[in-house]
Amino acid sequence: QTTQARLDVPPLTETLERTESLTRGLKALSEELADSDRE
């Protein structure tokens, strides 16, 4: 949903909220994969 093409830049508050949500998910995924030895 974030990477869908759009013609405008959303308001900063909306972007920061979505950033927090994606950050939590990416951190959790990164932690889950911490033991992976795949390059």
PDB file of all heavy atoms in Angstrom:
ATOM      1  N   GLN A   1       0.832  -1.206   0.000  1.00  0.00           N
ATOM      2  CA  GLN A   1       0.000   0.000   0.000  1.00  0.00           C
ATOM      3  C   GLN A   1       0.865   1.254   0.000  1.00  0.00           C
ATOM      4  O   GLN A   1       0.530   2.252  -0.629  1.00  0.00           O
ATOM      5  CB  GLN A   1      -0.935   0.003   1.214  1.00  0.00           C
ATOM      6  CG  GLN A   1      -2.028  -1.016   1.128  1.00  0.00           C
ATOM      7  CD  GLN A   1      -2.833  -1.115   2.415  1.00  0.00           C
ATOM      8  OE1 GLN A   1      -2.411  -0.644   3.470  1.00  0.00           O
ATOM      9  NE2 GLN A   1      -3.992  -1.742   2.328  1.00  0.00           N
ATOM     10  N   THR A   2       1.973   1.200   0.686  1.00  0.00           N
ATOM     11  CA  THR A   2       2.872   2.349   0.760  1.00  0.00           C
ATOM     12  C   THR A   2       3.534   2.622  -0.584  1.00  0.00           C
ATOM     13  O   THR A   2       3.716   3.773  -0.967  1.00  0.00           O
ATOM     14  CB  THR A   2       3.946   2.117   1.844  1.00  0.00           C
ATOM     15  OG1 THR A   2       3.290   1.951   3.098  1.00  0.00           O
ATOM     16  CG2 THR A   2       4.907   3.288   1.934  1.00  0.00           C
ATOM     17  N   THR A   3       3.904   1.579  -1.291  1.00  0.00           N
ATOM     18  CA  THR A   3       4.658   1.759  -2.531  1.00  0.00           C
ATOM     19  C   THR A   3       3.773   1.927  -3.768  1.00  0.00           C
ATOM     20  O   THR A   3       4.303   2.067  -4.868  1.00  0.00           O
ATOM     21  CB  THR A   3       5.632   0.581  -2.765  1.00  0.00           C
ATOM     22  OG1 THR A   3       4.897  -0.641  -2.809  1.00  0.00           O
ATOM     23  CG2 THR A   3       6.691   0.541  -1.684  1.00  0.00           C
ATOM     24  N   GLN A   4       2.462   1.938  -3.592  1.00  0.00           N
ATOM     25  CA  GLN A   4       1.579   2.193  -4.730  1.00  0.00           C
ATOM     26  C   GLN A   4       1.840   3.594  -5.270  1.00  0.00           C
ATOM     27  O   GLN A   4       2.090   4.530  -4.509  1.00  0.00           O
ATOM     28  CB  GLN A   4       0.105   2.089  -4.327  1.00  0.00           C
ATOM     29  CG  GLN A   4      -0.355   0.688  -4.099  1.00  0.00           C
ATOM     30  CD  GLN A   4      -1.826   0.642  -3.684  1.00  0.00           C
ATOM     31  OE1 GLN A   4      -2.418   1.655  -3.345  1.00  0.00           O
ATOM     32  NE2 GLN A   4      -2.393  -0.536  -3.700  1.00  0.00           N
ATOM     33  N   ALA A   5       1.767   3.695  -6.579  1.00  0.00           N
ATOM     34  CA  ALA A   5       1.995   4.998  -7.221  1.00  0.00           C
ATOM     35  C   ALA A   5       0.948   6.010  -6.754  1.00  0.00           C
ATOM     36  O   ALA A   5      -0.217   5.678  -6.598  1.00  0.00           O
ATOM     37  CB  ALA A   5       1.940   4.846  -8.728  1.00  0.00           C
ATOM     38  N   ARG A   6       1.400   7.225  -6.533  1.00  0.00           N
ATOM     39  CA  ARG A   6       0.492   8.311  -6.156  1.00  0.00           C
ATOM     40  C   ARG A   6       1.020   9.613  -6.720  1.00  0.00           C
ATOM     41  O   ARG A   6       2.200   9.735  -7.013  1.00  0.00           O
ATOM     42  CB  ARG A   6       0.282   8.378  -4.646  1.00  0.00           C
ATOM     43  CG  ARG A   6       1.513   8.506  -3.813  1.00  0.00           C
ATOM     44  CD  ARG A   6       1.250   8.469  -2.310  1.00  0.00           C
ATOM     45  NE  ARG A   6       0.324   9.487  -1.882  1.00  0.00           N
ATOM     46  CZ  ARG A   6      -0.511   9.354  -0.845  1.00  0.00           C
ATOM     47  NH1 ARG A   6      -0.513   8.267  -0.148  1.00  0.00           N
ATOM     48  NH2 ARG A   6      -1.317  10.317  -0.500  1.00  0.00           N
ATOM     49  N   LEU A   7       0.144  10.570  -6.855  1.00  0.00           N
ATOM     50  CA  LEU A   7       0.505  11.842  -7.479  1.00  0.00           C
ATOM     51  C   LEU A   7       0.884  12.926  -6.483  1.00  0.00           C
ATOM     52  O   LEU A   7       1.339  13.987  -6.873  1.00  0.00           O
ATOM     53  CB  LEU A   7      -0.652  12.338  -8.353  1.00  0.00           C
ATOM     54  CG  LEU A   7      -1.022  11.412  -9.515  1.00  0.00           C
ATOM     55  CD1 LEU A   7      -2.253  11.938 -10.228  1.00  0.00           C
ATOM     56  CD2 LEU A   7       0.132  11.265 -10.474  1.00  0.00           C
ATOM     57  N   ASP A   8       0.681  12.651  -5.200  1.00  0.00           N
ATOM     58  CA  ASP A   8       0.971  13.674  -4.201  1.00  0.00           C
ATOM     59  C   ASP A   8       1.775  13.074  -3.052  1.00  0.00           C
ATOM     60  O   ASP A   8       1.871  11.862  -2.914  1.00  0.00           O
ATOM     61  CB  ASP A   8      -0.327  14.275  -3.666  1.00  0.00           C
ATOM     62  CG  ASP A   8      -1.185  13.239  -2.941  1.00  0.00           C
ATOM     63  OD1 ASP A   8      -1.052  12.030  -3.228  1.00  0.00           O
ATOM     64  OD2 ASP A   8      -1.989  13.627  -2.089  1.00  0.00           O
ATOM     65  N   VAL A   9       2.330  13.932  -2.262  1.00  0.00           N
ATOM     66  CA  VAL A   9       3.028  13.514  -1.049  1.00  0.00           C
ATOM     67  C   VAL A   9       2.034  13.676   0.100  1.00  0.00           C
ATOM     68  O   VAL A   9       1.450  14.742   0.263  1.00  0.00           O
ATOM     69  CB  VAL A   9       4.282  14.389  -0.810  1.00  0.00           C
ATOM     70  CG1 VAL A   9       4.926  14.054   0.518  1.00  0.00           C
ATOM     71  CG2 VAL A   9       5.265  14.218  -1.952  1.00  0.00           C
ATOM     72  N   PRO A  10       1.825  12.619   0.878  1.00  0.00           N
ATOM     73  CA  PRO A  10       0.851  12.724   1.967  1.00  0.00           C
ATOM     74  C   PRO A  10       1.332  13.674   3.069  1.00  0.00           C
ATOM     75  O   PRO A  10       2.526  13.986   3.145  1.00  0.00           O
ATOM     76  CB  PRO A  10       0.739  11.293   2.485  1.00  0.00           C
ATOM     77  CG  PRO A  10       1.952  10.597   2.008  1.00  0.00           C
ATOM     78  CD  PRO A  10       2.419  11.302   0.790  1.00  0.00           C
ATOM     79  N   PRO A  11       0.424  14.097   3.929  1.00  0.00           N
ATOM     80  CA  PRO A  11       0.809  14.976   5.042  1.00  0.00           C
ATOM     81  C   PRO A  11       1.854  14.302   5.933  1.00  0.00           C
ATOM     82  O   PRO A  11       1.893  13.073   6.073  1.00  0.00           O
ATOM     83  CB  PRO A  11      -0.494  15.186   5.815  1.00  0.00           C
ATOM     84  CG  PRO A  11      -1.581  14.799   4.878  1.00  0.00           C
ATOM     85  CD  PRO A  11      -1.006  13.811   3.923  1.00  0.00           C
ATOM     86  N   LEU A  12       2.693  15.103   6.536  1.00  0.00           N
ATOM     87  CA  LEU A  12       3.786  14.607   7.366  1.00  0.00           C
ATOM     88  C   LEU A  12       3.279  13.728   8.504  1.00  0.00           C
ATOM     89  O   LEU A  12       3.856  12.673   8.785  1.00  0.00           O
ATOM     90  CB  LEU A  12       4.604  15.782   7.921  1.00  0.00           C
ATOM     91  CG  LEU A  12       5.810  15.422   8.780  1.00  0.00           C
ATOM     92  CD1 LEU A  12       6.814  14.581   7.998  1.00  0.00           C
ATOM     93  CD2 LEU A  12       6.466  16.685   9.302  1.00  0.00           C
ATOM     94  N   THR A  13       2.196  14.124   9.159  1.00  0.00           N
ATOM     95  CA  THR A  13       1.689  13.331  10.294  1.00  0.00           C
ATOM     96  C   THR A  13       1.283  11.927   9.852  1.00  0.00           C
ATOM     97  O   THR A  13       1.582  10.951  10.534  1.00  0.00           O
ATOM     98  CB  THR A  13       0.500  14.028  10.968  1.00  0.00           C
ATOM     99  OG1 THR A  13      -0.489  14.329   9.986  1.00  0.00           O
ATOM    100  CG2 THR A  13       0.926  15.300  11.666  1.00  0.00           C
ATOM    101  N   GLU A  14       0.631  11.817   8.718  1.00  0.00           N
ATOM    102  CA  GLU A  14       0.227  10.513   8.190  1.00  0.00           C
ATOM    103  C   GLU A  14       1.460   9.667   7.862  1.00  0.00           C
ATOM    104  O   GLU A  14       1.528   8.477   8.178  1.00  0.00           O
ATOM    105  CB  GLU A  14      -0.632  10.683   6.941  1.00  0.00           C
ATOM    106  CG  GLU A  14      -1.042   9.370   6.293  1.00  0.00           C
ATOM    107  CD  GLU A  14      -1.770   9.580   4.982  1.00  0.00           C
ATOM    108  OE1 GLU A  14      -2.460  10.615   4.822  1.00  0.00           O
ATOM    109  OE2 GLU A  14      -1.647   8.708   4.106  1.00  0.00           O
ATOM    110  N   THR A  15       2.432  10.298   7.235  1.00  0.00           N
ATOM    111  CA  THR A  15       3.655   9.589   6.863  1.00  0.00           C
ATOM    112  C   THR A  15       4.389   9.095   8.097  1.00  0.00           C
ATOM    113  O   THR A  15       4.864   7.951   8.137  1.00  0.00           O
ATOM    114  CB  THR A  15       4.568  10.506   6.035  1.00  0.00           C
ATOM    115  OG1 THR A  15       3.870  10.904   4.855  1.00  0.00           O
ATOM    116  CG2 THR A  15       5.850   9.808   5.639  1.00  0.00           C
ATOM    117  N   LEU A  16       4.480   9.915   9.133  1.00  0.00           N
ATOM    118  CA  LEU A  16       5.181   9.509  10.354  1.00  0.00           C
ATOM    119  C   LEU A  16       4.467   8.356  11.055  1.00  0.00           C
ATOM    120  O   LEU A  16       5.110   7.449  11.594  1.00  0.00           O
ATOM    121  CB  LEU A  16       5.356  10.696  11.294  1.00  0.00           C
ATOM    122  CG  LEU A  16       6.319  11.784  10.802  1.00  0.00           C
ATOM    123  CD1 LEU A  16       6.342  12.963  11.772  1.00  0.00           C
ATOM    124  CD2 LEU A  16       7.714  11.237  10.565  1.00  0.00           C
ATOM    125  N   GLU A  17       3.136   8.350  11.032  1.00  0.00           N
ATOM    126  CA  GLU A  17       2.374   7.246  11.626  1.00  0.00           C
ATOM    127  C   GLU A  17       2.644   5.942  10.877  1.00  0.00           C
ATOM    128  O   GLU A  17       2.869   4.893  11.484  1.00  0.00           O
ATOM    129  CB  GLU A  17       0.877   7.550  11.610  1.00  0.00           C
ATOM    130  CG  GLU A  17       0.455   8.613  12.592  1.00  0.00           C
ATOM    131  CD  GLU A  17      -0.988   9.056  12.404  1.00  0.00           C
ATOM    132  OE1 GLU A  17      -1.715   8.425  11.594  1.00  0.00           O
ATOM    133  OE2 GLU A  17      -1.390  10.016  13.066  1.00  0.00           O
ATOM    134  N   ARG A  18       2.626   6.012   9.557  1.00  0.00           N
ATOM    135  CA  ARG A  18       2.886   4.819   8.750  1.00  0.00           C
ATOM    136  C   ARG A  18       4.334   4.370   8.917  1.00  0.00           C
ATOM    137  O   ARG A  18       4.625   3.177   8.903  1.00  0.00           O
ATOM    138  CB  ARG A  18       2.559   5.091   7.294  1.00  0.00           C
ATOM    139  CG  ARG A  18       1.057   5.305   7.083  1.00  0.00           C
ATOM    140  CD  ARG A  18       0.715   5.670   5.685  1.00  0.00           C
ATOM    141  NE  ARG A  18       0.804   4.486   4.836  1.00  0.00           N
ATOM    142  CZ  ARG A  18       0.569   4.505   3.543  1.00  0.00           C
ATOM    143  NH1 ARG A  18       0.248   5.636   2.946  1.00  0.00           N
ATOM    144  NH2 ARG A  18       0.650   3.413   2.830  1.00  0.00           N
ATOM    145  N   THR A  19       5.233   5.328   9.087  1.00  0.00           N
ATOM    146  CA  THR A  19       6.641   4.999   9.300  1.00  0.00           C
ATOM    147  C   THR A  19       6.807   4.211  10.594  1.00  0.00           C
ATOM    148  O   THR A  19       7.532   3.212  10.628  1.00  0.00           O
ATOM    149  CB  THR A  19       7.495   6.285   9.331  1.00  0.00           C
ATOM    150  OG1 THR A  19       7.398   6.928   8.060  1.00  0.00           O
ATOM    151  CG2 THR A  19       8.953   5.978   9.643  1.00  0.00           C
ATOM    152  N   GLU A  20       6.140   4.632  11.656  1.00  0.00           N
ATOM    153  CA  GLU A  20       6.222   3.918  12.933  1.00  0.00           C
ATOM    154  C   GLU A  20       5.737   2.482  12.786  1.00  0.00           C
ATOM    155  O   GLU A  20       6.374   1.552  13.290  1.00  0.00           O
ATOM    156  CB  GLU A  20       5.399   4.642  14.005  1.00  0.00           C
ATOM    157  CG  GLU A  20       6.020   5.915  14.506  1.00  0.00           C
ATOM    158  CD  GLU A  20       5.158   6.591  15.559  1.00  0.00           C
ATOM    159  OE1 GLU A  20       4.435   5.878  16.292  1.00  0.00           O
ATOM    160  OE2 GLU A  20       5.207   7.824  15.636  1.00  0.00           O
ATOM    161  N   SER A  21       4.645   2.303  12.095  1.00  0.00           N
ATOM    162  CA  SER A  21       4.081   0.975  11.908  1.00  0.00           C
ATOM    163  C   SER A  21       5.014   0.076  11.095  1.00  0.00           C
ATOM    164  O   SER A  21       5.290  -1.065  11.477  1.00  0.00           O
ATOM    165  CB  SER A  21       2.718   1.095  11.225  1.00  0.00           C
ATOM    166  OG  SER A  21       2.164  -0.172  11.028  1.00  0.00           O
ATOM    167  N   LEU A  22       5.514   0.588   9.987  1.00  0.00           N
ATOM    168  CA  LEU A  22       6.433  -0.200   9.168  1.00  0.00           C
ATOM    169  C   LEU A  22       7.749  -0.461   9.898  1.00  0.00           C
ATOM    170  O   LEU A  22       8.343  -1.534   9.761  1.00  0.00           O
ATOM    171  CB  LEU A  22       6.719   0.518   7.848  1.00  0.00           C
ATOM    172  CG  LEU A  22       5.946   0.020   6.637  1.00  0.00           C
ATOM    173  CD1 LEU A  22       6.210   0.893   5.424  1.00  0.00           C
ATOM    174  CD2 LEU A  22       6.224  -1.412   6.328  1.00  0.00           C
ATOM    175  N   THR A  23       8.192   0.503  10.682  1.00  0.00           N
ATOM    176  CA  THR A  23       9.419   0.333  11.456  1.00  0.00           C
ATOM    177  C   THR A  23       9.278  -0.827  12.431  1.00  0.00           C
ATOM    178  O   THR A  23      10.175  -1.672  12.539  1.00  0.00           O
ATOM    179  CB  THR A  23       9.775   1.637  12.206  1.00  0.00           C
ATOM    180  OG1 THR A  23      10.058   2.644  11.243  1.00  0.00           O
ATOM    181  CG2 THR A  23      10.979   1.451  13.116  1.00  0.00           C
ATOM    182  N   ARG A  24       8.153  -0.883  13.138  1.00  0.00           N
ATOM    183  CA  ARG A  24       7.925  -1.993  14.080  1.00  0.00           C
ATOM    184  C   ARG A  24       7.960  -3.329  13.349  1.00  0.00           C
ATOM    185  O   ARG A  24       8.591  -4.285  13.810  1.00  0.00           O
ATOM    186  CB  ARG A  24       6.586  -1.821  14.802  1.00  0.00           C
ATOM    187  CG  ARG A  24       6.602  -0.786  15.898  1.00  0.00           C
ATOM    188  CD  ARG A  24       5.343  -0.839  16.743  1.00  0.00           C
ATOM    189  NE  ARG A  24       4.112  -0.727  15.976  1.00  0.00           N
ATOM    190  CZ  ARG A  24       3.518   0.412  15.632  1.00  0.00           C
ATOM    191  NH1 ARG A  24       4.070   1.559  15.992  1.00  0.00           N
ATOM    192  NH2 ARG A  24       2.404   0.415  14.938  1.00  0.00           N
ATOM    193  N   GLY A  25       7.288  -3.406  12.219  1.00  0.00           N
ATOM    194  CA  GLY A  25       7.249  -4.655  11.470  1.00  0.00           C
ATOM    195  C   GLY A  25       8.606  -5.056  10.928  1.00  0.00           C
ATOM    196  O   GLY A  25       9.005  -6.223  11.004  1.00  0.00           O
ATOM    197  N   LEU A  26       9.349  -4.084  10.394  1.00  0.00           N
ATOM    198  CA  LEU A  26      10.667  -4.378   9.837  1.00  0.00           C
ATOM    199  C   LEU A  26      11.660  -4.777  10.934  1.00  0.00           C
ATOM    200  O   LEU A  26      12.455  -5.697  10.758  1.00  0.00           O
ATOM    201  CB  LEU A  26      11.184  -3.177   9.047  1.00  0.00           C
ATOM    202  CG  LEU A  26      12.434  -3.386   8.205  1.00  0.00           C
ATOM    203  CD1 LEU A  26      12.274  -4.553   7.235  1.00  0.00           C
ATOM    204  CD2 LEU A  26      12.774  -2.119   7.443  1.00  0.00           C
ATOM    205  N   LYS A  27      11.593  -4.106  12.084  1.00  0.00           N
ATOM    206  CA  LYS A  27      12.455  -4.477  13.213  1.00  0.00           C
ATOM    207  C   LYS A  27      12.153  -5.901  13.674  1.00  0.00           C
ATOM    208  O   LYS A  27      13.066  -6.691  13.923  1.00  0.00           O
ATOM    209  CB  LYS A  27      12.262  -3.516  14.387  1.00  0.00           C
ATOM    210  CG  LYS A  27      13.018  -2.230  14.263  1.00  0.00           C
ATOM    211  CD  LYS A  27      12.808  -1.389  15.504  1.00  0.00           C
ATOM    212  CE  LYS A  27      13.541  -0.069  15.395  1.00  0.00           C
ATOM    213  NZ  LYS A  27      13.325   0.777  16.576  1.00  0.00           N
ATOM    214  N   ALA A  28      10.880  -6.221  13.795  1.00  0.00           N
ATOM    215  CA  ALA A  28      10.490  -7.560  14.244  1.00  0.00           C
ATOM    216  C   ALA A  28      10.941  -8.620  13.251  1.00  0.00           C
ATOM    217  O   ALA A  28      11.453  -9.676  13.647  1.00  0.00           O
ATOM    218  CB  ALA A  28       8.978  -7.623  14.447  1.00  0.00           C
ATOM    219  N   LEU A  29      10.782  -8.351  11.972  1.00  0.00           N
ATOM    220  CA  LEU A  29      11.213  -9.299  10.948  1.00  0.00           C
ATOM    221  C   LEU A  29      12.728  -9.462  10.979  1.00  0.00           C
ATOM    222  O   LEU A  29      13.250 -10.584  10.908  1.00  0.00           O
ATOM    223  CB  LEU A  29      10.755  -8.834   9.565  1.00  0.00           C
ATOM    224  CG  LEU A  29      11.079  -9.761   8.398  1.00  0.00           C
ATOM    225  CD1 LEU A  29      10.425 -11.127   8.582  1.00  0.00           C
ATOM    226  CD2 LEU A  29      10.622  -9.123   7.089  1.00  0.00           C
ATOM    227  N   SER A  30      13.438  -8.370  11.121  1.00  0.00           N
ATOM    228  CA  SER A  30      14.893  -8.416  11.184  1.00  0.00           C
ATOM    229  C   SER A  30      15.364  -9.221  12.395  1.00  0.00           C
ATOM    230  O   SER A  30      16.289 -10.032  12.299  1.00  0.00           O
ATOM    231  CB  SER A  30      15.448  -6.997  11.230  1.00  0.00           C
ATOM    232  OG  SER A  30      16.853  -7.011  11.196  1.00  0.00           O
ATOM    233  N   GLU A  31      14.717  -9.022  13.531  1.00  0.00           N
ATOM    234  CA  GLU A  31      15.066  -9.777  14.737  1.00  0.00           C
ATOM    235  C   GLU A  31      14.760 -11.259  14.562  1.00  0.00           C
ATOM    236  O   GLU A  31      15.526 -12.120  15.007  1.00  0.00           O
ATOM    237  CB  GLU A  31      14.322  -9.219  15.948  1.00  0.00           C
ATOM    238  CG  GLU A  31      14.821  -7.865  16.394  1.00  0.00           C
ATOM    239  CD  GLU A  31      13.930  -7.223  17.444  1.00  0.00           C
ATOM    240  OE1 GLU A  31      12.987  -7.882  17.943  1.00  0.00           O
ATOM    241  OE2 GLU A  31      14.175  -6.042  17.752  1.00  0.00           O
ATOM    242  N   GLU A  32      13.648 -11.556  13.913  1.00  0.00           N
ATOM    243  CA  GLU A  32      13.263 -12.946  13.680  1.00  0.00           C
ATOM    244  C   GLU A  32      14.298 -13.662  12.802  1.00  0.00           C
ATOM    245  O   GLU A  32      14.544 -14.849  12.958  1.00  0.00           O
ATOM    246  CB  GLU A  32      11.889 -12.991  13.009  1.00  0.00           C
ATOM    247  CG  GLU A  32      11.345 -14.376  12.770  1.00  0.00           C
ATOM    248  CD  GLU A  32       9.992 -14.330  12.113  1.00  0.00           C
ATOM    249  OE1 GLU A  32       9.036 -13.809  12.731  1.00  0.00           O
ATOM    250  OE2 GLU A  32       9.871 -14.817  10.969  1.00  0.00           O
ATOM    251  N   LEU A  33      14.910 -12.924  11.901  1.00  0.00           N
ATOM    252  CA  LEU A  33      15.866 -13.505  10.955  1.00  0.00           C
ATOM    253  C   LEU A  33      17.320 -13.350  11.403  1.00  0.00           C
ATOM    254  O   LEU A  33      18.234 -13.609  10.630  1.00  0.00           O
ATOM    255  CB  LEU A  33      15.673 -12.856   9.581  1.00  0.00           C
ATOM    256  CG  LEU A  33      14.303 -13.061   8.946  1.00  0.00           C
ATOM    257  CD1 LEU A  33      14.151 -12.181   7.720  1.00  0.00           C
ATOM    258  CD2 LEU A  33      14.074 -14.527   8.617  1.00  0.00           C
ATOM    259  N   ALA A  34      17.528 -12.943  12.632  1.00  0.00           N
ATOM    260  CA  ALA A  34      18.884 -12.662  13.118  1.00  0.00           C
ATOM    261  C   ALA A  34      19.814 -13.872  13.031  1.00  0.00           C
ATOM    262  O   ALA A  34      21.021 -13.705  12.858  1.00  0.00           O
ATOM    263  CB  ALA A  34      18.828 -12.154  14.549  1.00  0.00           C
ATOM    264  N   ASP A  35      19.293 -15.063  13.129  1.00  0.00           N
ATOM    265  CA  ASP A  35      20.129 -16.259  13.112  1.00  0.00           C
ATOM    266  C   ASP A  35      20.358 -16.816  11.712  1.00  0.00           C
ATOM    267  O   ASP A  35      21.046 -17.820  11.555  1.00  0.00           O
ATOM    268  CB  ASP A  35      19.512 -17.350  13.979  1.00  0.00           C
ATOM    269  CG  ASP A  35      19.495 -16.963  15.448  1.00  0.00           C
ATOM    270  OD1 ASP A  35      20.359 -16.154  15.855  1.00  0.00           O
ATOM    271  OD2 ASP A  35      18.619 -17.449  16.181  1.00  0.00           O
ATOM    272  N   SER A  36      19.794 -16.165  10.708  1.00  0.00           N
ATOM    273  CA  SER A  36      19.943 -16.655   9.339  1.00  0.00           C
ATOM    274  C   SER A  36      21.385 -16.500   8.875  1.00  0.00           C
ATOM    275  O   SER A  36      22.024 -15.484   9.126  1.00  0.00           O
ATOM    276  CB  SER A  36      19.019 -15.887   8.392  1.00  0.00           C
ATOM    277  OG  SER A  36      19.227 -16.319   7.063  1.00  0.00           O
ATOM    278  N   ASP A  37      21.864 -17.518   8.181  1.00  0.00           N
ATOM    279  CA  ASP A  37      23.218 -17.435   7.643  1.00  0.00           C
ATOM    280  C   ASP A  37      23.216 -17.213   6.130  1.00  0.00           C
ATOM    281  O   ASP A  37      24.274 -17.177   5.505  1.00  0.00           O
ATOM    282  CB  ASP A  37      24.025 -18.684   8.004  1.00  0.00           C
ATOM    283  CG  ASP A  37      23.379 -19.965   7.489  1.00  0.00           C
ATOM    284  OD1 ASP A  37      22.238 -19.903   6.997  1.00  0.00           O
ATOM    285  OD2 ASP A  37      24.013 -21.025   7.598  1.00  0.00           O
ATOM    286  N   ARG A  38      22.039 -17.015   5.560  1.00  0.00           N
ATOM    287  CA  ARG A  38      21.944 -16.745   4.123  1.00  0.00           C
ATOM    288  C   ARG A  38      22.461 -15.340   3.832  1.00  0.00           C
ATOM    289  O   ARG A  38      22.096 -14.375   4.494  1.00  0.00           O
ATOM    290  CB  ARG A  38      20.490 -16.848   3.660  1.00  0.00           C
ATOM    291  CG  ARG A  38      19.988 -18.276   3.719  1.00  0.00           C
ATOM    292  CD  ARG A  38      18.761 -18.504   2.885  1.00  0.00           C
ATOM    293  NE  ARG A  38      18.991 -18.085   1.507  1.00  0.00           N
ATOM    294  CZ  ARG A  38      18.146 -17.315   0.836  1.00  0.00           C
ATOM    295  NH1 ARG A  38      17.049 -16.887   1.394  1.00  0.00           N
ATOM    296  NH2 ARG A  38      18.399 -16.982  -0.402  1.00  0.00           N
ATOM    297  N   GLU A  39      23.323 -15.243   2.854  1.00  0.00           N
ATOM    298  CA  GLU A  39      23.958 -13.962   2.536  1.00  0.00           C
ATOM    299  C   GLU A  39      22.929 -12.898   2.153  1.00  0.00           C
ATOM    300  O   GLU A  39      23.017 -11.753   2.598  1.00  0.00           O
ATOM    301  CB  GLU A  39      24.969 -14.137   1.406  1.00  0.00           C
ATOM    302  CG  GLU A  39      25.729 -12.858   1.126  1.00  0.00           C
ATOM    303  CD  GLU A  39      26.808 -13.037   0.076  1.00  0.00           C
ATOM    304  OE1 GLU A  39      27.059 -14.166  -0.358  1.00  0.00           O
ATOM    305  OE2 GLU A  39      27.408 -12.023  -0.298  1.00  0.00           O
TER     306      GLU A  39
END
